[in-house]
C-alpha atoms as a PDB file:
ATOM      1  CA  MET A   1     -82.576  -7.477  -3.915  1.00  0.00           C
ATOM      2  CA  GLY A   2     -80.429 -10.520  -4.008  1.00  0.00           C
ATOM      3  CA  CYS A   3     -81.616 -14.035  -3.424  1.00  0.00           C
ATOM      4  CA  CYS A   4     -79.598 -14.273  -0.219  1.00  0.00           C
ATOM      5  CA  GLY A   5     -80.960 -11.198   1.528  1.00  0.00           C
ATOM      6  CA  ASP A   6     -78.343  -9.095   3.344  1.00  0.00           C
ATOM      7  CA  GLU A   7     -75.442 -10.306   1.232  1.00  0.00           C
ATOM      8  CA  ASP A   8     -75.989  -7.432  -1.185  1.00  0.00           C
ATOM      9  CA  ASP A   9     -75.164  -4.913   1.561  1.00  0.00           C
ATOM     10  CA  GLU A  10     -71.884  -6.497   2.489  1.00  0.00           C
ATOM     11  CA  GLU A  11     -68.687  -5.032   1.172  1.00  0.00           C
ATOM     12  CA  PRO A  12     -66.593  -7.385  -0.913  1.00  0.00           C
ATOM     13  CA  GLN A  13     -63.900  -9.054   1.110  1.00  0.00           C
ATOM     14  CA  THR A  14     -60.341  -8.279   0.093  1.00  0.00           C
ATOM     15  CA  PHE A  15     -57.166 -10.189   0.833  1.00  0.00           C
ATOM     16  CA  PRO A  16     -53.736  -8.730   1.450  1.00  0.00           C
ATOM     17  CA  GLN A  17     -51.374  -9.175  -1.461  1.00  0.00           C
ATOM     18  CA  SER A  18     -47.784 -10.151  -0.944  1.00  0.00           C
ATOM     19  CA  SER A  19     -45.296  -7.505  -1.888  1.00  0.00           C
ATOM     20  CA  ALA A  20     -42.852 -10.123  -3.057  1.00  0.00           C
ATOM     21  CA  SER A  21     -43.164 -11.041  -6.701  1.00  0.00           C
ATOM     22  CA  PRO A  22     -43.416 -14.748  -7.466  1.00  0.00           C
ATOM     23  CA  SER A  23     -40.203 -16.372  -8.499  1.00  0.00           C
ATOM     24  CA  SER A  24     -39.744 -17.600 -12.003  1.00  0.00           C
ATOM     25  CA  ASP A  25     -39.640 -21.175 -10.690  1.00  0.00           C
ATOM     26  CA  MET A  26     -43.155 -20.875  -9.359  1.00  0.00           C
ATOM     27  CA  ALA A  27     -44.601 -19.109 -12.392  1.00  0.00           C
ATOM     28  CA  PRO A  28     -47.514 -20.995 -13.965  1.00  0.00           C
ATOM     29  CA  PRO A  29     -46.965 -22.558 -17.381  1.00  0.00           C
ATOM     30  CA  SER A  30     -48.035 -20.564 -20.375  1.00  0.00           C
ATOM     31  CA  SER A  31     -50.380 -23.358 -21.415  1.00  0.00           C
ATOM     32  CA  PHE A  32     -51.439 -26.828 -20.374  1.00  0.00           C
ATOM     33  CA  ALA A  33     -49.520 -28.147 -23.368  1.00  0.00           C
ATOM     34  CA  ASP A  34     -46.318 -27.398 -21.442  1.00  0.00           C
ATOM     35  CA  LEU A  35     -47.312 -30.090 -18.951  1.00  0.00           C
ATOM     36  CA  ALA A  36     -48.068 -32.760 -21.541  1.00  0.00           C
ATOM     37  CA  ILE A  37     -45.556 -35.434 -22.428  1.00  0.00           C
ATOM     38  CA  SER A  38     -45.369 -35.427 -26.178  1.00  0.00           C
ATOM     39  CA  PRO A  39     -43.952 -38.526 -27.909  1.00  0.00           C
ATOM     40  CA  MET A  40     -42.094 -36.196 -30.247  1.00  0.00           C
ATOM     41  CA  ASN A  41     -40.317 -34.391 -27.393  1.00  0.00           C
ATOM     42  CA  SER A  42     -37.128 -36.453 -27.431  1.00  0.00           C
ATOM     43  CA  HIS A  43     -35.467 -34.120 -24.915  1.00  0.00           C
ATOM     44  CA  PHE A  44     -37.878 -35.056 -22.148  1.00  0.00           C
ATOM     45  CA  THR A  45     -35.993 -37.146 -19.577  1.00  0.00           C
ATOM     46  CA  ALA A  46     -38.461 -40.029 -19.513  1.00  0.00           C
ATOM     47  CA  LEU A  47     -38.407 -40.300 -23.282  1.00  0.00           C
ATOM     48  CA  ASN A  48     -34.632 -40.187 -23.424  1.00  0.00           C
ATOM     49  CA  CYS A  49     -34.127 -43.168 -21.107  1.00  0.00           C
ATOM     50  CA  ARG A  50     -33.352 -46.342 -23.035  1.00  0.00           C
ATOM     51  CA  ASP A  51     -34.930 -48.628 -20.432  1.00  0.00           C
ATOM     52  CA  THR A  52     -38.179 -46.647 -20.506  1.00  0.00           C
ATOM     53  CA  LEU A  53     -38.164 -46.528 -24.293  1.00  0.00           C
ATOM     54  CA  ARG A  54     -37.625 -50.273 -24.477  1.00  0.00           C
ATOM     55  CA  LEU A  55     -40.648 -50.924 -22.246  1.00  0.00           C
ATOM     56  CA  ILE A  56     -42.766 -48.723 -24.516  1.00  0.00           C
ATOM     57  CA  PHE A  57     -41.419 -49.948 -27.843  1.00  0.00           C
ATOM     58  CA  GLU A  58     -41.889 -53.612 -26.926  1.00  0.00           C
ATOM     59  CA  ARG A  59     -45.638 -52.986 -27.186  1.00  0.00           C
ATOM     60  CA  LEU A  60     -45.515 -51.317 -30.602  1.00  0.00           C
ATOM     61  CA  PRO A  61     -46.324 -53.018 -33.910  1.00  0.00           C
ATOM     62  CA  ILE A  62     -43.864 -52.946 -36.794  1.00  0.00           C
ATOM     63  CA  PRO A  63     -45.221 -49.776 -38.517  1.00  0.00           C
ATOM     64  CA  ASP A  64     -45.021 -47.772 -35.274  1.00  0.00           C
ATOM     65  CA  LEU A  65     -41.501 -49.014 -34.577  1.00  0.00           C
ATOM     66  CA  ALA A  66     -40.485 -47.770 -38.040  1.00  0.00           C
ATOM     67  CA  ARG A  67     -41.921 -44.330 -37.238  1.00  0.00           C
ATOM     68  CA  ALA A  68     -40.253 -44.238 -33.812  1.00  0.00           C
ATOM     69  CA  SER A  69     -36.855 -44.948 -35.356  1.00  0.00           C
ATOM     70  CA  CYS A  70     -37.127 -41.665 -37.306  1.00  0.00           C
ATOM     71  CA  VAL A  71     -37.602 -39.407 -34.250  1.00  0.00           C
ATOM     72  CA  CYS A  72     -34.024 -39.087 -33.009  1.00  0.00           C
ATOM     73  CA  ARG A  73     -30.778 -40.998 -32.562  1.00  0.00           C
ATOM     74  CA  VAL A  74     -31.692 -42.495 -29.167  1.00  0.00           C
ATOM     75  CA  TRP A  75     -35.091 -43.660 -30.361  1.00  0.00           C
ATOM     76  CA  ASN A  76     -33.525 -45.152 -33.477  1.00  0.00           C
ATOM     77  CA  SER A  77     -30.967 -47.138 -31.478  1.00  0.00           C
ATOM     78  CA  VAL A  78     -33.707 -48.686 -29.327  1.00  0.00           C
ATOM     79  CA  ALA A  79     -36.283 -49.200 -32.087  1.00  0.00           C
ATOM     80  CA  SER A  80     -33.633 -50.835 -34.318  1.00  0.00           C
ATOM     81  CA  ASP A  81     -32.729 -53.504 -31.778  1.00  0.00           C
ATOM     82  CA  GLY A  82     -32.687 -56.854 -33.563  1.00  0.00           C
ATOM     83  CA  ASP A  83     -34.489 -58.837 -30.858  1.00  0.00           C
ATOM     84  CA  MET A  84     -37.239 -56.239 -30.611  1.00  0.00           C
ATOM     85  CA  LEU A  85     -37.734 -56.132 -34.387  1.00  0.00           C
ATOM     86  CA  THR A  86     -37.955 -59.902 -34.787  1.00  0.00           C
ATOM     87  CA  ARG A  87     -40.359 -60.131 -31.846  1.00  0.00           C
ATOM     88  CA  ALA A  88     -42.655 -57.473 -33.306  1.00  0.00           C
ATOM     89  CA  PHE A  89     -42.315 -58.996 -36.794  1.00  0.00           C
ATOM     90  CA  ARG A  90     -43.547 -62.427 -35.756  1.00  0.00           C
ATOM     91  CA  ALA A  91     -46.032 -61.408 -33.031  1.00  0.00           C
ATOM     92  CA  PRO A  92     -49.190 -60.931 -35.178  1.00  0.00           C
ATOM     93  CA  TRP A  93     -48.736 -64.369 -36.712  1.00  0.00           C
ATOM     94  CA  ARG A  94     -47.885 -66.146 -33.411  1.00  0.00           C
ATOM     95  CA  MET A  95     -44.722 -67.557 -34.929  1.00  0.00           C
ATOM     96  CA  LYS A  96     -42.075 -69.432 -32.989  1.00  0.00           C
ATOM     97  CA  ALA A  97     -39.037 -67.665 -34.462  1.00  0.00           C
ATOM     98  CA  VAL A  98     -37.607 -65.699 -37.373  1.00  0.00           C
ATOM     99  CA  VAL A  99     -34.034 -66.693 -38.293  1.00  0.00           C
ATOM    100  CA  GLY A 100     -31.560 -64.561 -40.205  1.00  0.00           C
ATOM    101  CA  ALA A 101     -30.733 -60.901 -40.710  1.00  0.00           C
ATOM    102  CA  PRO A 102     -32.018 -59.020 -43.778  1.00  0.00           C
ATOM    103  CA  SER A 103     -29.540 -57.192 -45.992  1.00  0.00           C
ATOM    104  CA  SER A 104     -31.709 -54.075 -45.839  1.00  0.00           C
ATOM    105  CA  GLY A 105     -33.190 -52.478 -42.739  1.00  0.00           C
ATOM    106  CA  SER A 106     -36.332 -51.624 -44.718  1.00  0.00           C
ATOM    107  CA  PHE A 107     -37.288 -55.314 -44.526  1.00  0.00           C
ATOM    108  CA  TRP A 108     -38.581 -54.754 -40.980  1.00  0.00           C
ATOM    109  CA  ARG A 109     -40.959 -51.937 -41.949  1.00  0.00           C
ATOM    110  CA  ASP A 110     -43.672 -54.304 -43.123  1.00  0.00           C
ATOM    111  CA  ASN A 111     -44.793 -57.676 -41.783  1.00  0.00           C
ATOM    112  CA  SER A 112     -47.876 -58.218 -43.907  1.00  0.00           C
ATOM    113  CA  ILE A 113     -48.650 -61.736 -45.105  1.00  0.00           C
ATOM    114  CA  GLY A 114     -46.970 -60.859 -48.412  1.00  0.00           C
ATOM    115  CA  LYS A 115     -43.581 -60.897 -46.634  1.00  0.00           C
ATOM    116  CA  PHE A 116     -43.908 -64.671 -46.079  1.00  0.00           C
ATOM    117  CA  ALA A 117     -43.746 -67.591 -48.506  1.00  0.00           C
ATOM    118  CA  ILE A 118     -43.533 -71.375 -48.548  1.00  0.00           C
ATOM    119  CA  SER A 119     -40.475 -72.999 -50.102  1.00  0.00           C
ATOM    120  CA  HIS A 120     -41.509 -75.771 -52.495  1.00  0.00           C
ATOM    121  CA  ARG A 121     -38.795 -78.037 -53.914  1.00  0.00           C
ATOM    122  CA  ILE A 122     -39.685 -78.815 -57.514  1.00  0.00           C
ATOM    123  CA  VAL A 123     -40.085 -82.479 -58.444  1.00  0.00           C
ATOM    124  CA  ARG A 124     -40.863 -84.232 -61.725  1.00  0.00           C
ATOM    125  CA  GLY A 125     -44.408 -83.517 -62.842  1.00  0.00           C
ATOM    126  CA  ASP A 126     -44.797 -80.202 -61.038  1.00  0.00           C
ATOM    127  CA  THR A 127     -46.448 -77.373 -62.937  1.00  0.00           C
ATOM    128  CA  VAL A 128     -47.413 -73.875 -61.861  1.00  0.00           C
ATOM    129  CA  ALA A 129     -51.083 -74.828 -62.225  1.00  0.00           C
ATOM    130  CA  SER A 130     -50.738 -77.983 -60.109  1.00  0.00           C
ATOM    131  CA  LEU A 131     -48.907 -76.066 -57.373  1.00  0.00           C
ATOM    132  CA  ALA A 132     -51.586 -73.373 -57.402  1.00  0.00           C
ATOM    133  CA  VAL A 133     -54.203 -76.073 -56.761  1.00  0.00           C
ATOM    134  CA  LYS A 134     -52.080 -77.816 -54.123  1.00  0.00           C
ATOM    135  CA  TYR A 135     -51.511 -74.657 -52.073  1.00  0.00           C
ATOM    136  CA  SER A 136     -54.867 -72.975 -52.848  1.00  0.00           C
ATOM    137  CA  VAL A 137     -53.362 -69.870 -54.449  1.00  0.00           C
ATOM    138  CA  GLN A 138     -53.623 -68.169 -57.824  1.00  0.00           C
ATOM    139  CA  VAL A 139     -51.305 -69.026 -60.719  1.00  0.00           C
ATOM    140  CA  MET A 140     -50.558 -65.343 -61.306  1.00  0.00           C
ATOM    141  CA  ASP A 141     -49.615 -64.890 -57.643  1.00  0.00           C
ATOM    142  CA  ILE A 142     -46.986 -67.648 -57.930  1.00  0.00           C
ATOM    143  CA  LYS A 143     -45.587 -66.127 -61.126  1.00  0.00           C
ATOM    144  CA  ARG A 144     -45.512 -62.634 -59.661  1.00  0.00           C
ATOM    145  CA  LEU A 145     -43.748 -63.730 -56.476  1.00  0.00           C
ATOM    146  CA  ASN A 146     -41.127 -65.722 -58.388  1.00  0.00           C
ATOM    147  CA  ASN A 147     -40.628 -63.132 -61.129  1.00  0.00           C
ATOM    148  CA  MET A 148     -41.707 -65.605 -63.821  1.00  0.00           C
ATOM    149  CA  MET A 149     -42.806 -64.533 -67.280  1.00  0.00           C
ATOM    150  CA  SER A 150     -44.118 -67.958 -68.340  1.00  0.00           C
ATOM    151  CA  ASP A 151     -44.842 -71.428 -66.983  1.00  0.00           C
ATOM    152  CA  HIS A 152     -41.659 -72.767 -68.601  1.00  0.00           C
ATOM    153  CA  GLY A 153     -39.492 -70.887 -66.081  1.00  0.00           C
ATOM    154  CA  ILE A 154     -40.202 -73.605 -63.546  1.00  0.00           C
ATOM    155  CA  TYR A 155     -37.875 -76.082 -65.264  1.00  0.00           C
ATOM    156  CA  SER A 156     -34.723 -74.012 -64.692  1.00  0.00           C
ATOM    157  CA  ARG A 157     -35.247 -73.763 -60.923  1.00  0.00           C
ATOM    158  CA  GLU A 158     -34.813 -76.017 -57.947  1.00  0.00           C
ATOM    159  CA  ARG A 159     -37.638 -74.448 -55.987  1.00  0.00           C
ATOM    160  CA  LEU A 160     -40.528 -72.016 -56.144  1.00  0.00           C
ATOM    161  CA  LEU A 161     -41.765 -69.615 -53.505  1.00  0.00           C
ATOM    162  CA  ILE A 162     -45.457 -70.121 -52.826  1.00  0.00           C
ATOM    163  CA  PRO A 163     -47.599 -67.269 -51.456  1.00  0.00           C
ATOM    164  CA  ILE A 164     -49.316 -68.046 -48.166  1.00  0.00           C
ATOM    165  CA  SER A 165     -53.103 -68.069 -48.401  1.00  0.00           C
ATOM    166  CA  ASP A 166     -53.856 -69.276 -44.857  1.00  0.00           C
ATOM    167  CA  PRO A 167     -52.018 -67.275 -42.134  1.00  0.00           C
ATOM    168  CA  ASP A 168     -52.710 -70.009 -39.576  1.00  0.00           C
ATOM    169  CA  ILE A 169     -49.966 -72.054 -41.226  1.00  0.00           C
ATOM    170  CA  LEU A 170     -47.421 -69.686 -39.613  1.00  0.00           C
ATOM    171  CA  VAL A 171     -48.547 -70.424 -36.041  1.00  0.00           C
ATOM    172  CA  ASN A 172     -45.662 -71.906 -33.983  1.00  0.00           C
ATOM    173  CA  GLN A 173     -43.489 -72.097 -37.108  1.00  0.00           C
ATOM    174  CA  THR A 174     -39.952 -70.858 -37.845  1.00  0.00           C
ATOM    175  CA  CYS A 175     -39.234 -68.751 -40.939  1.00  0.00           C
ATOM    176  CA  TYR A 176     -35.855 -67.979 -42.498  1.00  0.00           C
ATOM    177  CA  ILE A 177     -35.100 -64.578 -44.024  1.00  0.00           C
ATOM    178  CA  GLU A 178     -33.687 -65.185 -47.488  1.00  0.00           C
ATOM    179  CA  LEU A 179     -32.957 -63.218 -50.626  1.00  0.00           C
ATOM    180  CA  ASP A 180     -34.268 -65.382 -53.439  1.00  0.00           C
ATOM    181  CA  GLN A 181     -32.121 -65.030 -56.555  1.00  0.00           C
ATOM    182  CA  HIS A 182     -35.013 -65.594 -58.950  1.00  0.00           C
ATOM    183  CA  ALA A 183     -37.647 -63.602 -57.083  1.00  0.00           C
ATOM    184  CA  LYS A 184     -35.161 -60.732 -56.555  1.00  0.00           C
ATOM    185  CA  ARG A 185     -36.596 -59.980 -53.134  1.00  0.00           C
ATOM    186  CA  GLU A 186     -36.127 -60.820 -49.468  1.00  0.00           C
ATOM    187  CA  VAL A 187     -38.781 -63.095 -48.013  1.00  0.00           C
ATOM    188  CA  ALA A 188     -39.412 -64.837 -44.704  1.00  0.00           C
ATOM    189  CA  VAL A 189     -39.453 -68.418 -46.000  1.00  0.00           C
ATOM    190  CA  LEU A 190     -41.307 -71.285 -44.344  1.00  0.00           C
ATOM    191  CA  TYR A 191     -39.935 -74.795 -44.930  1.00  0.00           C
ATOM    192  CA  LEU A 192     -42.713 -77.305 -44.379  1.00  0.00           C
ATOM    193  CA  GLU A 193     -40.109 -80.076 -44.153  1.00  0.00           C
ATOM    194  CA  GLY A 194     -38.488 -78.330 -41.186  1.00  0.00           C
ATOM    195  CA  GLN A 195     -35.494 -76.253 -42.213  1.00  0.00           C
ATOM    196  CA  PRO A 196     -33.496 -75.179 -45.290  1.00  0.00           C
ATOM    197  CA  SER A 197     -30.979 -77.556 -46.792  1.00  0.00           C
ATOM    198  CA  ILE A 198     -27.255 -77.063 -46.232  1.00  0.00           C
ATOM    199  CA  LYS A 199     -26.860 -76.048 -49.876  1.00  0.00           C
ATOM    200  CA  SER A 200     -29.552 -73.365 -49.551  1.00  0.00           C
ATOM    201  CA  ALA A 201     -27.919 -72.026 -46.396  1.00  0.00           C
ATOM    202  CA  LEU A 202     -24.526 -71.780 -48.108  1.00  0.00           C
ATOM    203  CA  VAL A 203     -26.016 -69.980 -51.119  1.00  0.00           C
ATOM    204  CA  LEU A 204     -27.800 -67.559 -48.786  1.00  0.00           C
ATOM    205  CA  LYS A 205     -24.593 -66.879 -46.832  1.00  0.00           C
ATOM    206  CA  ARG A 206     -22.598 -66.285 -50.017  1.00  0.00           C
ATOM    207  CA  THR A 207     -25.295 -64.012 -51.469  1.00  0.00           C
ATOM    208  CA  THR A 208     -25.488 -61.964 -48.276  1.00  0.00           C
ATOM    209  CA  SER A 209     -21.682 -61.626 -48.216  1.00  0.00           C
ATOM    210  CA  GLU A 210     -21.619 -60.464 -51.837  1.00  0.00           C
ATOM    211  CA  GLN A 211     -24.328 -57.902 -51.127  1.00  0.00           C
ATOM    212  CA  GLY A 212     -22.354 -56.538 -48.198  1.00  0.00           C
ATOM    213  CA  ARG A 213     -19.215 -56.198 -50.319  1.00  0.00           C
ATOM    214  CA  ARG A 214     -21.222 -54.485 -53.063  1.00  0.00           C
ATOM    215  CA  ARG A 215     -22.596 -51.922 -50.606  1.00  0.00           C
ATOM    216  CA  ILE A 216     -19.075 -51.199 -49.319  1.00  0.00           C
ATOM    217  CA  LEU A 217     -17.760 -50.733 -52.858  1.00  0.00           C
ATOM    218  CA  ASP A 218     -20.598 -48.379 -53.756  1.00  0.00           C
ATOM    219  CA  SER A 219     -19.926 -46.352 -50.614  1.00  0.00           C
ATOM    220  CA  LEU A 220     -16.202 -46.135 -51.425  1.00  0.00           C
ATOM    221  CA  LYS A 221     -16.935 -45.060 -55.002  1.00  0.00           C
ATOM    222  CA  ARG A 222     -19.107 -42.206 -53.737  1.00  0.00           C
ATOM    223  CA  SER A 223     -16.581 -41.129 -51.117  1.00  0.00           C
ATOM    224  CA  MET A 224     -13.538 -41.333 -53.401  1.00  0.00           C
ATOM    225  CA  ARG A 225     -15.394 -40.237 -56.547  1.00  0.00           C
ATOM    226  CA  VAL A 226     -13.701 -43.007 -58.515  1.00  0.00           C
ATOM    227  CA  ASN A 227     -14.793 -45.845 -60.760  1.00  0.00           C
ATOM    228  CA  ASP A 228     -15.571 -49.406 -59.689  1.00  0.00           C
ATOM    229  CA  GLY A 229     -12.119 -50.794 -60.522  1.00  0.00           C
ATOM    230  CA  THR A 230     -10.273 -48.185 -58.451  1.00  0.00           C
ATOM    231  CA  ALA A 231     -12.548 -48.770 -55.466  1.00  0.00           C
ATOM    232  CA  GLN A 232     -11.962 -52.535 -55.720  1.00  0.00           C
ATOM    233  CA  TYR A 233      -8.192 -52.003 -55.857  1.00  0.00           C
ATOM    234  CA  TYR A 234      -8.033 -49.931 -52.671  1.00  0.00           C
ATOM    235  CA  LEU A 235     -10.412 -52.294 -50.879  1.00  0.00           C
ATOM    236  CA  SER A 236      -8.204 -55.267 -51.805  1.00  0.00           C
ATOM    237  CA  VAL A 237      -4.919 -53.643 -50.729  1.00  0.00           C
ATOM    238  CA  SER A 238      -6.515 -52.712 -47.403  1.00  0.00           C
ATOM    239  CA  GLU A 239      -7.690 -56.311 -46.849  1.00  0.00           C
ATOM    240  CA  GLY A 240     -11.355 -55.371 -46.972  1.00  0.00           C
ATOM    241  CA  ASP A 241     -11.187 -52.535 -44.433  1.00  0.00           C
ATOM    242  CA  PRO A 242     -13.091 -49.542 -45.941  1.00  0.00           C
ATOM    243  CA  ARG A 243     -11.513 -47.045 -43.529  1.00  0.00           C
ATOM    244  CA  ALA A 244      -8.025 -48.255 -44.396  1.00  0.00           C
ATOM    245  CA  ALA A 245      -8.977 -48.073 -48.083  1.00  0.00           C
ATOM    246  CA  LEU A 246     -10.010 -44.424 -47.717  1.00  0.00           C
ATOM    247  CA  SER A 247      -6.821 -43.650 -45.797  1.00  0.00           C
ATOM    248  CA  GLU A 248      -4.677 -45.337 -48.460  1.00  0.00           C
ATOM    249  CA  PHE A 249      -6.481 -43.446 -51.217  1.00  0.00           C
ATOM    250  CA  SER A 250      -6.029 -40.120 -49.381  1.00  0.00           C
ATOM    251  CA  GLU A 251      -2.287 -40.755 -48.969  1.00  0.00           C
ATOM    252  CA  ASP A 252      -1.901 -41.528 -52.673  1.00  0.00           C
ATOM    253  CA  LEU A 253      -3.902 -38.457 -53.629  1.00  0.00           C
ATOM    254  CA  ARG A 254      -1.789 -36.255 -51.343  1.00  0.00           C
ATOM    255  CA  TRP A 255       1.422 -37.618 -52.884  1.00  0.00           C
ATOM    256  CA  GLU A 256       0.136 -36.995 -56.419  1.00  0.00           C
ATOM    257  CA  ARG A 257      -0.723 -33.402 -55.541  1.00  0.00           C
ATOM    258  CA  GLN A 258       2.715 -32.792 -54.032  1.00  0.00           C
ATOM    259  CA  ALA A 259       4.333 -34.294 -57.118  1.00  0.00           C
ATOM    260  CA  GLY A 260       2.217 -32.078 -59.360  1.00  0.00           C
ATOM    261  CA  LEU A 261       0.460 -35.027 -60.986  1.00  0.00           C
ATOM    262  CA  VAL A 262      -3.019 -33.746 -60.102  1.00  0.00           C
END
């Protein structure tokens, strides 16, 4: 006998079933996962809208922005925005600004304290040991950052990059992205005296320009399958336009084939 008395004697209640089969539009999803918004589903409308993506990406740290840029073309275009990258780069350190554009996009993938350095202009009497004491860093850290094999390397340079031991020094400061010729690396440089000298700015601009030209030449060499001199020739006759250089090379190659020279 059931706990509710007469309920055991009652016949189960049945409900009429509709003869019409449910439409495909009303069919339940195969799983709850079909209802979830996955960050990897780049075809979902909300995740394909640039304005929505921008609102999301503005809250991401640098490592997550680097991952987001690998998802699809739309995500990459938003995550690679210069203003967004510089904002995320300086945010953890509460910096005022980051000036300059790196020659390589990989620069933005890491904003650890090792990406920053102090520019110290060398004066008479400076030694690596004295600078290590002055800035409270290790001698080996200065040598490693500046690609120095010995202490004597200081005398052939106008400045040294000093590792930053106290992150608070970056608060409300402006850093300049530079490729140091001696250190052989790009660094966000802090000038305690305010800003880089005109000479340093000109050297940086010339170095960046030379790097850009080198990348174009390397790309032309791969596309044309020629040596460095040939790539330079076609780039010069096309006034620095790589597309015009490729077009000029293709025309010459076509003529040589028609003339039986190739």
